[in-house]
N, C-alpha and C. Protein backbone atom coordinates (compact mmCIF):
# COMPACT_ATOMS: atom_id res chain seq x y z
N MET A 1 82.36 150.62 28.19
CA MET A 1 82.76 149.25 27.98
C MET A 1 83.84 149.21 26.92
N ASP A 2 84.84 148.36 27.11
CA ASP A 2 85.97 148.24 26.19
C ASP A 2 85.54 147.40 24.98
N ASP A 3 85.65 147.95 23.78
CA ASP A 3 85.24 147.25 22.56
C ASP A 3 86.12 146.04 22.26
N GLU A 4 87.34 146.00 22.82
CA GLU A 4 88.25 144.89 22.56
C GLU A 4 88.02 143.70 23.49
N VAL A 5 87.18 143.87 24.50
CA VAL A 5 86.93 142.81 25.47
C VAL A 5 85.62 142.11 25.11
N ASP A 6 85.68 140.80 24.98
CA ASP A 6 84.50 140.01 24.69
C ASP A 6 83.81 139.67 26.01
N PRO A 7 82.62 140.21 26.28
CA PRO A 7 81.95 139.96 27.56
C PRO A 7 81.50 138.51 27.74
N THR A 8 81.46 137.73 26.67
CA THR A 8 81.07 136.33 26.78
C THR A 8 82.24 135.42 27.05
N ASP A 9 83.46 135.94 26.95
CA ASP A 9 84.67 135.16 27.18
C ASP A 9 84.95 135.10 28.68
N SER A 10 85.21 133.90 29.20
CA SER A 10 85.52 133.78 30.62
C SER A 10 86.96 134.22 30.87
N ALA A 11 87.18 134.78 32.04
CA ALA A 11 88.52 135.27 32.39
C ALA A 11 88.94 134.64 33.71
N GLY A 12 90.22 134.65 33.97
CA GLY A 12 90.73 134.14 35.23
C GLY A 12 91.02 132.66 35.18
N GLU A 13 91.25 132.10 36.36
CA GLU A 13 91.59 130.70 36.47
C GLU A 13 90.39 129.82 36.17
N ALA A 14 90.64 128.69 35.54
CA ALA A 14 89.55 127.76 35.23
C ALA A 14 89.06 127.06 36.50
N VAL A 15 89.90 126.98 37.51
CA VAL A 15 89.54 126.32 38.76
C VAL A 15 89.57 127.35 39.89
N CYS A 16 88.51 127.41 40.63
CA CYS A 16 88.44 128.36 41.74
C CYS A 16 88.85 127.66 43.03
N TRP A 17 89.78 128.23 43.75
CA TRP A 17 90.27 127.63 44.99
C TRP A 17 89.65 128.28 46.22
N ILE A 18 88.78 129.26 46.04
CA ILE A 18 88.26 129.98 47.20
C ILE A 18 87.45 129.06 48.13
N GLY A 19 86.85 128.02 47.58
CA GLY A 19 86.10 127.07 48.42
C GLY A 19 86.99 126.23 49.31
N LEU A 20 88.29 126.26 49.06
CA LEU A 20 89.23 125.49 49.89
C LEU A 20 89.65 126.24 51.14
N LEU A 21 89.43 127.56 51.18
CA LEU A 21 89.88 128.36 52.31
C LEU A 21 89.14 127.98 53.59
N CYS A 22 89.81 128.15 54.71
CA CYS A 22 89.21 127.88 56.01
C CYS A 22 88.03 128.84 56.22
N PRO A 23 86.87 128.31 56.63
CA PRO A 23 85.71 129.17 56.84
C PRO A 23 85.84 130.11 58.03
N GLU A 24 86.75 129.80 58.94
CA GLU A 24 86.92 130.62 60.14
C GLU A 24 87.99 131.69 60.01
N CYS A 25 89.18 131.30 59.53
CA CYS A 25 90.29 132.26 59.52
C CYS A 25 90.78 132.62 58.12
N GLY A 26 90.30 131.90 57.09
CA GLY A 26 90.68 132.22 55.71
C GLY A 26 92.00 131.64 55.26
N ALA A 27 92.62 130.79 56.08
CA ALA A 27 93.91 130.21 55.71
C ALA A 27 93.75 129.22 54.56
N MET A 28 94.76 129.17 53.70
CA MET A 28 94.79 128.18 52.63
C MET A 28 95.28 126.87 53.23
N PRO A 29 94.54 125.77 53.03
CA PRO A 29 94.97 124.50 53.62
C PRO A 29 96.28 124.01 53.02
N GLU A 30 97.02 123.28 53.82
CA GLU A 30 98.31 122.75 53.39
C GLU A 30 98.34 121.24 53.60
N GLY A 31 99.23 120.58 52.90
CA GLY A 31 99.40 119.13 53.07
C GLY A 31 98.14 118.37 52.73
N GLU A 32 97.79 117.39 53.57
CA GLU A 32 96.61 116.57 53.35
C GLU A 32 95.32 117.38 53.38
N GLY A 33 95.30 118.46 54.13
CA GLY A 33 94.11 119.29 54.26
C GLY A 33 93.73 120.03 52.99
N ALA A 34 94.65 120.10 52.03
CA ALA A 34 94.35 120.81 50.78
C ALA A 34 93.25 120.12 49.99
N ARG A 35 93.16 118.81 50.07
CA ARG A 35 92.14 118.08 49.30
C ARG A 35 91.16 117.32 50.18
N ASP A 36 91.41 117.23 51.47
CA ASP A 36 90.53 116.50 52.37
C ASP A 36 89.91 117.48 53.37
N PRO A 37 88.64 117.85 53.19
CA PRO A 37 88.02 118.84 54.07
C PRO A 37 87.84 118.36 55.51
N ARG A 38 88.04 117.06 55.75
CA ARG A 38 87.92 116.53 57.12
C ARG A 38 89.14 116.86 57.97
N VAL A 39 90.25 117.25 57.32
CA VAL A 39 91.47 117.59 58.05
C VAL A 39 91.32 119.00 58.63
N PRO A 40 91.49 119.18 59.94
CA PRO A 40 91.34 120.50 60.55
C PRO A 40 92.35 121.52 60.00
N CYS A 41 91.95 122.77 60.04
CA CYS A 41 92.81 123.88 59.60
C CYS A 41 94.10 123.88 60.41
N TRP A 42 95.20 124.09 59.72
CA TRP A 42 96.50 124.13 60.39
C TRP A 42 96.64 125.36 61.29
N ARG A 43 95.86 126.41 61.02
CA ARG A 43 95.99 127.64 61.79
C ARG A 43 95.05 127.68 62.99
N CYS A 44 93.75 127.39 62.77
CA CYS A 44 92.78 127.59 63.86
C CYS A 44 92.07 126.31 64.29
N GLY A 45 92.21 125.22 63.52
CA GLY A 45 91.61 123.95 63.90
C GLY A 45 90.18 123.75 63.39
N ALA A 46 89.61 124.71 62.68
CA ALA A 46 88.26 124.56 62.15
C ALA A 46 88.26 123.52 61.02
N VAL A 47 87.10 122.90 60.80
CA VAL A 47 86.95 121.93 59.74
C VAL A 47 86.03 122.53 58.67
N ARG A 48 86.45 122.42 57.42
CA ARG A 48 85.64 122.95 56.32
C ARG A 48 84.40 122.10 56.13
N PRO A 49 83.29 122.70 55.70
CA PRO A 49 82.09 121.90 55.42
C PRO A 49 82.35 120.95 54.24
N THR A 50 81.81 119.74 54.30
CA THR A 50 81.99 118.79 53.22
C THR A 50 80.86 118.89 52.21
N ASP A 51 79.72 119.44 52.59
CA ASP A 51 78.59 119.60 51.69
C ASP A 51 78.54 121.06 51.25
N PRO A 52 78.54 121.32 49.92
CA PRO A 52 78.52 122.71 49.44
C PRO A 52 77.35 123.52 50.01
N GLY A 53 76.27 122.88 50.39
CA GLY A 53 75.14 123.59 50.98
C GLY A 53 75.38 124.05 52.41
N ASP A 54 76.44 123.51 53.05
CA ASP A 54 76.76 123.88 54.43
C ASP A 54 77.47 125.21 54.55
N ALA A 55 78.06 125.67 53.45
CA ALA A 55 78.87 126.89 53.51
C ALA A 55 78.02 128.12 53.68
């Protein structure tokens, strides 16, 4: 373990975007679909789950 690294310090982006990816093809949503999970994927047409328990 690196003595200079604080294991209690969080690293990376404060906001995780992985939940925005299409559940079928992994595409990053674009346009209105980026914030509205009801908009079908631009690549495959799948709709992201709106309830976190659905994923």
